[in-house]
Protein backbone atom coordinates (compact mmCIF):
# COMPACT_ATOMS: atom_id res chain seq x y z
CA MET A 1 -57.10 6.33 66.49
CA TRP A 2 -59.09 8.19 63.80
CA PRO A 3 -62.55 9.29 63.53
CA SER A 4 -63.22 6.32 61.03
CA ARG A 5 -67.68 7.33 60.83
CA GLU A 6 -66.44 10.98 60.09
CA SER A 7 -64.00 10.29 57.36
CA CYS A 8 -66.43 7.74 55.55
CA ASP A 9 -69.42 10.34 55.93
CA ALA A 10 -66.81 12.84 54.30
CA MET A 11 -66.13 10.37 51.65
CA MET A 12 -69.51 10.13 50.76
CA ALA A 13 -70.57 13.53 50.59
CA ARG A 14 -67.30 14.19 48.25
CA LEU A 15 -69.02 10.91 45.95
CA ASP A 16 -72.32 12.78 46.11
CA ALA A 17 -70.92 16.15 45.59
CA ALA A 18 -68.77 15.16 42.87
CA GLY A 19 -71.91 13.11 41.40
CA PHE A 20 -70.07 10.21 41.52
CA ALA A 21 -72.41 7.22 39.05
CA TYR A 22 -71.88 3.72 40.99
CA PRO A 23 -73.72 3.00 44.36
CA HIS A 24 -71.75 3.43 47.29
CA GLU A 25 -72.81 3.13 51.22
CA CYS A 26 -71.02 3.57 54.43
CA VAL A 27 -71.53 0.83 56.75
CA GLY A 28 -69.94 1.14 60.58
CA TYR A 29 -69.36 -1.84 63.22
CA ARG A 30 -68.80 -1.48 66.55
CA TYR A 31 -66.28 -3.92 67.09
CA ALA A 32 -64.10 -3.61 64.05
CA SER A 33 -60.24 -3.28 62.89
CA HIS A 34 -58.52 -3.14 59.79
CA PHE A 35 -59.06 -6.68 58.98
CA LEU A 36 -62.66 -6.79 57.85
CA VAL A 37 -62.31 -10.32 56.88
CA PRO A 38 -63.67 -13.60 58.37
CA THR A 39 -60.42 -15.25 59.09
CA ARG A 40 -58.21 -15.63 62.11
CA LEU A 41 -55.15 -14.24 61.76
CA ARG A 42 -52.41 -13.70 64.37
CA SER A 43 -51.52 -10.19 63.27
CA ALA A 44 -54.97 -8.65 64.59
CA ARG A 45 -53.56 -8.86 67.96
CA LEU A 46 -51.58 -6.13 67.07
CA PHE A 47 -55.03 -4.00 67.35
CA ARG A 48 -56.48 -3.38 70.94
CA ILE A 49 -60.17 -3.78 70.03
CA GLU A 50 -59.21 -7.22 68.29
CA ARG A 51 -57.49 -8.08 71.66
CA ARG A 52 -60.45 -6.68 74.03
CA HIS A 53 -63.10 -8.02 72.16
CA PRO A 54 -61.92 -11.11 70.03
CA GLU A 55 -65.24 -12.65 69.51
CA GLU A 56 -67.10 -9.50 68.84
CA CYS A 57 -64.25 -8.54 65.92
CA TRP A 58 -64.96 -11.91 64.67
CA GLU A 59 -68.79 -11.30 64.61
CA SER A 60 -68.10 -7.66 62.48
CA ASP A 61 -65.98 -9.78 60.24
CA ARG A 62 -68.53 -12.28 59.12
CA LYS A 63 -71.04 -9.57 59.24
CA SER A 64 -68.77 -7.26 57.07
CA LEU A 65 -68.54 -10.22 54.40
CA GLU A 66 -72.12 -10.79 54.32
CA ASP A 67 -73.23 -7.26 53.72
CA ALA A 68 -70.30 -6.59 51.08
CA LEU A 69 -72.05 -9.70 49.14
CA ARG A 70 -75.43 -8.52 49.77
CA PHE A 71 -74.20 -4.99 48.43
CA VAL A 72 -72.85 -6.41 45.18
CA LYS A 73 -75.64 -8.36 44.79
CA ARG A 74 -78.24 -6.16 45.18
CA CYS A 75 -75.71 -3.25 43.37
CA TRP A 76 -74.28 -4.69 40.35
CA ARG A 77 -75.99 -7.11 38.51
């Protein structure tokens, strides 16, 4: 629906250009919708990718939580 990777890259570039002092990174998942939380929501079916690839999206949800927790642990001690 929109170029999420390009948008993320643009946000990272703006943060870098502004000298943003806090850790930040862009992480992408091949199969993901707006619900990057490991929970089974009925409303997730509103997104085509969730209907077409439910198990892959579920794995992306789980991985995104693991990645977020790892980021916080690494950067925000």
